[in-house]
C-alpha atoms as a PDB file:
ATOM      1  CA  MET A   1     118.290 182.919  -5.366  1.00  0.00           C
ATOM      2  CA  SER A   2     119.478 179.907  -7.286  1.00  0.00           C
ATOM      3  CA  LYS A   3     122.658 177.999  -6.705  1.00  0.00           C
ATOM      4  CA  THR A   4     124.195 179.321  -9.938  1.00  0.00           C
ATOM      5  CA  ASP A   5     123.642 182.896  -8.793  1.00  0.00           C
ATOM      6  CA  LYS A   6     125.546 182.186  -5.580  1.00  0.00           C
ATOM      7  CA  THR A   7     128.488 180.652  -7.425  1.00  0.00           C
ATOM      8  CA  SER A   8     128.695 183.503  -9.887  1.00  0.00           C
ATOM      9  CA  LYS A   9     128.739 186.039  -7.072  1.00  0.00           C
ATOM     10  CA  LYS A  10     131.356 184.004  -5.225  1.00  0.00           C
ATOM     11  CA  SER A  11     133.578 183.832  -8.300  1.00  0.00           C
ATOM     12  CA  GLN A  12     133.204 187.566  -8.796  1.00  0.00           C
ATOM     13  CA  LYS A  13     134.375 188.165  -5.240  1.00  0.00           C
ATOM     14  CA  THR A  14     137.421 185.966  -5.641  1.00  0.00           C
ATOM     15  CA  ASN A  15     138.309 187.652  -8.909  1.00  0.00           C
ATOM     16  CA  LYS A  16     138.214 191.035  -7.203  1.00  0.00           C
ATOM     17  CA  ALA A  17     140.372 189.742  -4.373  1.00  0.00           C
ATOM     18  CA  HIS A  18     143.103 188.544  -6.766  1.00  0.00           C
ATOM     19  CA  ARG A  19     143.194 191.573  -9.028  1.00  0.00           C
ATOM     20  CA  GLU A  20     146.452 193.421  -9.272  1.00  0.00           C
ATOM     21  CA  PRO A  21     146.690 197.184  -8.757  1.00  0.00           C
ATOM     22  CA  ILE A  22     146.761 199.196 -11.965  1.00  0.00           C
ATOM     23  CA  TRP A  23     150.389 200.233 -11.491  1.00  0.00           C
ATOM     24  CA  VAL A  24     151.422 196.562 -11.290  1.00  0.00           C
ATOM     25  CA  ASN A  25     149.616 195.905 -14.564  1.00  0.00           C
ATOM     26  CA  ALA A  26     151.327 198.968 -16.039  1.00  0.00           C
ATOM     27  CA  LEU A  27     154.733 197.595 -14.974  1.00  0.00           C
ATOM     28  CA  ARG A  28     153.895 194.227 -16.534  1.00  0.00           C
ATOM     29  CA  LEU A  29     152.863 195.945 -19.760  1.00  0.00           C
ATOM     30  CA  LEU A  30     156.054 198.021 -19.773  1.00  0.00           C
ATOM     31  CA  MET A  31     158.108 194.863 -19.249  1.00  0.00           C
ATOM     32  CA  ALA A  32     156.299 193.190 -22.152  1.00  0.00           C
ATOM     33  CA  VAL A  33     156.962 196.177 -24.426  1.00  0.00           C
ATOM     34  CA  VAL A  34     160.651 196.227 -23.478  1.00  0.00           C
ATOM     35  CA  CYS A  35     160.920 192.493 -24.161  1.00  0.00           C
ATOM     36  CA  LEU A  36     159.179 192.846 -27.511  1.00  0.00           C
ATOM     37  CA  TYR A  37     161.452 195.694 -28.580  1.00  0.00           C
ATOM     38  CA  SER A  38     164.828 194.575 -27.323  1.00  0.00           C
ATOM     39  CA  VAL A  39     164.621 190.793 -27.182  1.00  0.00           C
ATOM     40  CA  VAL A  40     162.058 189.750 -29.760  1.00  0.00           C
ATOM     41  CA  PHE A  41     162.735 192.314 -32.467  1.00  0.00           C
ATOM     42  CA  TRP A  42     166.399 193.271 -32.175  1.00  0.00           C
ATOM     43  CA  GLY A  43     167.506 189.965 -30.703  1.00  0.00           C
ATOM     44  CA  SER A  44     165.834 188.094 -33.559  1.00  0.00           C
ATOM     45  CA  VAL A  45     167.239 190.450 -36.180  1.00  0.00           C
ATOM     46  CA  THR A  46     170.737 190.026 -34.785  1.00  0.00           C
ATOM     47  CA  LEU A  47     170.351 186.274 -34.459  1.00  0.00           C
ATOM     48  CA  VAL A  48     169.181 185.905 -38.069  1.00  0.00           C
ATOM     49  CA  ALA A  49     171.946 188.217 -39.314  1.00  0.00           C
ATOM     50  CA  THR A  50     174.539 186.270 -37.353  1.00  0.00           C
ATOM     51  CA  LEU A  51     173.330 182.899 -38.589  1.00  0.00           C
ATOM     52  CA  SER A  52     173.139 184.069 -42.198  1.00  0.00           C
ATOM     53  CA  GLY A  53     176.675 185.496 -42.148  1.00  0.00           C
ATOM     54  CA  GLN A  54     175.789 189.196 -42.417  1.00  0.00           C
ATOM     55  CA  TYR A  55     178.577 190.143 -40.021  1.00  0.00           C
ATOM     56  CA  SER A  56     181.358 189.220 -42.417  1.00  0.00           C
ATOM     57  CA  ASP A  57     183.660 192.037 -41.250  1.00  0.00           C
ATOM     58  CA  PHE A  58     183.653 190.789 -37.681  1.00  0.00           C
ATOM     59  CA  PRO A  59     182.002 187.371 -37.417  1.00  0.00           C
ATOM     60  CA  PRO A  60     180.831 186.727 -33.873  1.00  0.00           C
ATOM     61  CA  PRO A  61     182.025 183.610 -32.072  1.00  0.00           C
ATOM     62  CA  ALA A  62     179.600 180.752 -31.579  1.00  0.00           C
ATOM     63  CA  TRP A  63     179.023 181.582 -27.920  1.00  0.00           C
ATOM     64  CA  VAL A  64     177.651 185.012 -28.882  1.00  0.00           C
ATOM     65  CA  THR A  65     175.091 183.479 -31.203  1.00  0.00           C
ATOM     66  CA  ALA A  66     174.126 180.898 -28.593  1.00  0.00           C
ATOM     67  CA  ALA A  67     173.912 183.522 -25.840  1.00  0.00           C
ATOM     68  CA  ILE A  68     171.652 185.780 -27.905  1.00  0.00           C
ATOM     69  CA  GLY A  69     169.344 182.887 -28.751  1.00  0.00           C
ATOM     70  CA  LEU A  70     169.222 181.178 -25.368  1.00  0.00           C
ATOM     71  CA  GLY A  71     169.233 184.392 -23.365  1.00  0.00           C
ATOM     72  CA  GLY A  72     166.380 185.816 -25.411  1.00  0.00           C
ATOM     73  CA  THR A  73     164.377 182.624 -25.028  1.00  0.00           C
ATOM     74  CA  VAL A  74     164.884 182.577 -21.267  1.00  0.00           C
ATOM     75  CA  ILE A  75     163.911 186.261 -21.002  1.00  0.00           C
ATOM     76  CA  LEU A  76     160.710 185.589 -22.922  1.00  0.00           C
ATOM     77  CA  CYS A  77     159.909 182.621 -20.662  1.00  0.00           C
ATOM     78  CA  SER A  78     160.398 184.828 -17.610  1.00  0.00           C
ATOM     79  CA  ALA A  79     158.128 187.466 -19.128  1.00  0.00           C
ATOM     80  CA  ALA A  80     155.443 184.815 -19.578  1.00  0.00           C
ATOM     81  CA  LEU A  81     155.875 183.742 -15.948  1.00  0.00           C
ATOM     82  CA  ALA A  82     155.535 187.368 -14.865  1.00  0.00           C
ATOM     83  CA  LEU A  83     152.369 187.816 -16.880  1.00  0.00           C
ATOM     84  CA  TRP A  84     150.957 184.788 -14.994  1.00  0.00           C
ATOM     85  CA  GLY A  85     151.863 186.448 -11.689  1.00  0.00           C
ATOM     86  CA  ARG A  86     154.867 184.285 -10.740  1.00  0.00           C
ATOM     87  CA  TYR A  87     157.161 187.243 -10.065  1.00  0.00           C
ATOM     88  CA  ILE A  88     159.766 185.634  -7.810  1.00  0.00           C
ATOM     89  CA  ILE A  89     160.402 182.697 -10.133  1.00  0.00           C
ATOM     90  CA  ALA A  90     160.298 185.024 -13.141  1.00  0.00           C
ATOM     91  CA  PHE A  91     162.938 187.286 -11.610  1.00  0.00           C
ATOM     92  CA  ALA A  92     165.290 184.385 -10.898  1.00  0.00           C
ATOM     93  CA  VAL A  93     164.882 183.010 -14.415  1.00  0.00           C
ATOM     94  CA  ASN A  94     165.199 186.468 -15.954  1.00  0.00           C
ATOM     95  CA  CYS A  95     168.522 187.142 -14.232  1.00  0.00           C
ATOM     96  CA  ALA A  96     170.098 184.142 -15.938  1.00  0.00           C
ATOM     97  CA  GLY A  97     168.670 185.050 -19.355  1.00  0.00           C
ATOM     98  CA  THR A  98     169.589 188.703 -19.056  1.00  0.00           C
ATOM     99  CA  ALA A  99     173.157 187.860 -18.058  1.00  0.00           C
ATOM    100  CA  ALA A 100     173.623 185.714 -21.166  1.00  0.00           C
ATOM    101  CA  TYR A 101     171.826 188.169 -23.459  1.00  0.00           C
ATOM    102  CA  LEU A 102     173.735 191.201 -22.221  1.00  0.00           C
ATOM    103  CA  ALA A 103     177.063 189.370 -22.399  1.00  0.00           C
ATOM    104  CA  ALA A 104     176.458 188.778 -26.102  1.00  0.00           C
ATOM    105  CA  ALA A 105     175.165 192.320 -26.554  1.00  0.00           C
ATOM    106  CA  GLY A 106     178.268 193.669 -24.842  1.00  0.00           C
ATOM    107  CA  TRP A 107     180.428 191.701 -27.258  1.00  0.00           C
ATOM    108  CA  PHE A 108     178.667 193.367 -30.186  1.00  0.00           C
ATOM    109  CA  VAL A 109     178.939 196.871 -28.740  1.00  0.00           C
ATOM    110  CA  ARG A 110     182.629 196.478 -27.802  1.00  0.00           C
ATOM    111  CA  THR A 111     183.501 194.977 -31.181  1.00  0.00           C
ATOM    112  CA  ILE A 112     181.694 197.703 -33.096  1.00  0.00           C
ATOM    113  CA  ARG A 113     183.349 200.374 -30.953  1.00  0.00           C
ATOM    114  CA  HIS A 114     186.755 198.786 -31.629  1.00  0.00           C
ATOM    115  CA  GLU A 115     186.040 198.634 -35.374  1.00  0.00           C
ATOM    116  CA  LEU A 116     184.908 202.284 -35.414  1.00  0.00           C
ATOM    117  CA  ASP A 117     188.081 203.352 -33.628  1.00  0.00           C
ATOM    118  CA  ASN A 118     190.373 201.438 -35.999  1.00  0.00           C
ATOM    119  CA  ARG A 119     188.687 201.946 -39.368  1.00  0.00           C
ATOM    120  CA  ALA A 120     187.710 204.853 -41.517  1.00  0.00           C
ATOM    121  CA  VAL A 121     183.912 204.907 -41.673  1.00  0.00           C
ATOM    122  CA  SER A 122     181.344 207.277 -43.092  1.00  0.00           C
ATOM    123  CA  ALA A 123     179.758 209.888 -40.860  1.00  0.00           C
ATOM    124  CA  ASP A 124     176.424 208.063 -40.650  1.00  0.00           C
ATOM    125  CA  LEU A 125     178.085 205.029 -39.011  1.00  0.00           C
ATOM    126  CA  LEU A 126     179.950 206.915 -36.260  1.00  0.00           C
ATOM    127  CA  ASP A 127     177.195 206.273 -33.711  1.00  0.00           C
ATOM    128  CA  MET A 128     176.659 202.620 -34.577  1.00  0.00           C
ATOM    129  CA  ASP A 129     177.888 201.393 -31.200  1.00  0.00           C
ATOM    130  CA  LYS A 130     175.402 203.648 -29.427  1.00  0.00           C
ATOM    131  CA  GLU A 131     172.613 202.408 -31.694  1.00  0.00           C
ATOM    132  CA  TYR A 132     173.422 198.804 -30.820  1.00  0.00           C
ATOM    133  CA  ALA A 133     173.515 199.702 -27.130  1.00  0.00           C
ATOM    134  CA  LEU A 134     170.062 201.288 -27.424  1.00  0.00           C
ATOM    135  CA  ARG A 135     168.821 198.145 -29.162  1.00  0.00           C
ATOM    136  CA  PHE A 136     170.126 195.574 -26.695  1.00  0.00           C
ATOM    137  CA  TYR A 137     170.530 197.156 -23.274  1.00  0.00           C
ATOM    138  CA  PRO A 138     166.837 197.906 -22.584  1.00  0.00           C
ATOM    139  CA  ALA A 139     166.519 194.180 -21.851  1.00  0.00           C
ATOM    140  CA  ALA A 140     168.059 194.999 -18.470  1.00  0.00           C
ATOM    141  CA  ALA A 141     164.998 197.145 -17.689  1.00  0.00           C
ATOM    142  CA  ALA A 142     162.889 193.981 -17.659  1.00  0.00           C
ATOM    143  CA  SER A 143     165.085 192.664 -14.840  1.00  0.00           C
ATOM    144  CA  VAL A 144     164.619 195.857 -12.849  1.00  0.00           C
ATOM    145  CA  ILE A 145     160.850 195.728 -13.341  1.00  0.00           C
ATOM    146  CA  LEU A 146     160.771 192.088 -12.285  1.00  0.00           C
ATOM    147  CA  LEU A 147     162.872 192.938  -9.220  1.00  0.00           C
ATOM    148  CA  VAL A 148     160.256 195.495  -8.163  1.00  0.00           C
ATOM    149  CA  LEU A 149     157.435 193.005  -8.745  1.00  0.00           C
ATOM    150  CA  ALA A 150     159.298 190.218  -6.892  1.00  0.00           C
ATOM    151  CA  VAL A 151     159.942 192.457  -3.878  1.00  0.00           C
ATOM    152  CA  LEU A 152     156.271 193.453  -3.886  1.00  0.00           C
ATOM    153  CA  SER A 153     155.306 189.778  -3.987  1.00  0.00           C
ATOM    154  CA  LEU A 154     157.639 188.961  -1.085  1.00  0.00           C
ATOM    155  CA  VAL A 155     156.143 191.823   0.948  1.00  0.00           C
ATOM    156  CA  ARG A 156     152.635 190.501   0.270  1.00  0.00           C
ATOM    157  CA  ILE A 157     153.630 186.966   1.288  1.00  0.00           C
ATOM    158  CA  ALA A 158     155.269 188.238   4.474  1.00  0.00           C
ATOM    159  CA  GLY A 159     152.156 190.276   5.290  1.00  0.00           C
ATOM    160  CA  LYS A 160     149.878 187.272   4.833  1.00  0.00           C
ATOM    161  CA  LYS A 161     152.105 185.091   7.043  1.00  0.00           C
ATOM    162  CA  ARG A 162     152.214 187.798   9.691  1.00  0.00           C
ATOM    163  CA  LYS A 163     148.434 188.135   9.616  1.00  0.00           C
ATOM    164  CA  LYS A 164     148.015 184.344   9.983  1.00  0.00           C
ATOM    165  CA  ARG A 165     150.466 184.292  12.889  1.00  0.00           C
ATOM    166  CA  ILE A 166     148.670 187.120  14.672  1.00  0.00           C
ATOM    167  CA  GLU A 167     145.320 185.374  14.187  1.00  0.00           C
ATOM    168  CA  LYS A 168     146.772 182.126  15.518  1.00  0.00           C
ATOM    169  CA  GLU A 169     148.347 183.842  18.537  1.00  0.00           C
ATOM    170  CA  SER A 170     145.183 185.765  19.378  1.00  0.00           C
ATOM    171  CA  ALA A 171     142.851 182.777  19.001  1.00  0.00           C
ATOM    172  CA  PRO A 172     141.329 181.541  22.240  1.00  0.00           C
ATOM    173  CA  VAL A 173     143.016 178.573  23.864  1.00  0.00           C
ATOM    174  CA  LYS A 174     141.115 175.285  23.800  1.00  0.00           C
ATOM    175  CA  SER A 175     140.994 175.105  27.631  1.00  0.00           C
ATOM    176  CA  ILE A 176     139.226 178.480  27.772  1.00  0.00           C
ATOM    177  CA  ILE A 177     136.630 177.375  25.223  1.00  0.00           C
ATOM    178  CA  ASP A 178     135.854 174.168  27.137  1.00  0.00           C
END
């Protein structure tokens, strides 16, 4: 057996040891889909419409535009961290981005609801506030998914530390070995 064969087998073993369970990969994929739908697509559409002045009936304040842009960017950065397996850091980062993003989304939903209550609108626009809620609010699901993954990561870390401690406590004392 050559040296290259040994290294390839060793790398295969380490890859198997660091593989995630399939349900963790499914959660990561679900988080990515939620981020693509709510943050990338609808966040970008809203950001472009806001910057181009499409909301002329109720122009959003500058903080709403900034919160949509910065919050969406932070959420995407946390999704990237989660895809690299840094769940605890990703959850902390995601909380900040989601808070900003959902604050801006809440402004849109409340304003649209207020406009629908005070104006005469056609029948096809009566559910516009619910449509906006379904566009923006799924971003909160990414935070819940990251919470689950972060807790799982903390449990794994605690288990490894406990295992090391037990091994250290059950190791023979140097005076017994000598």
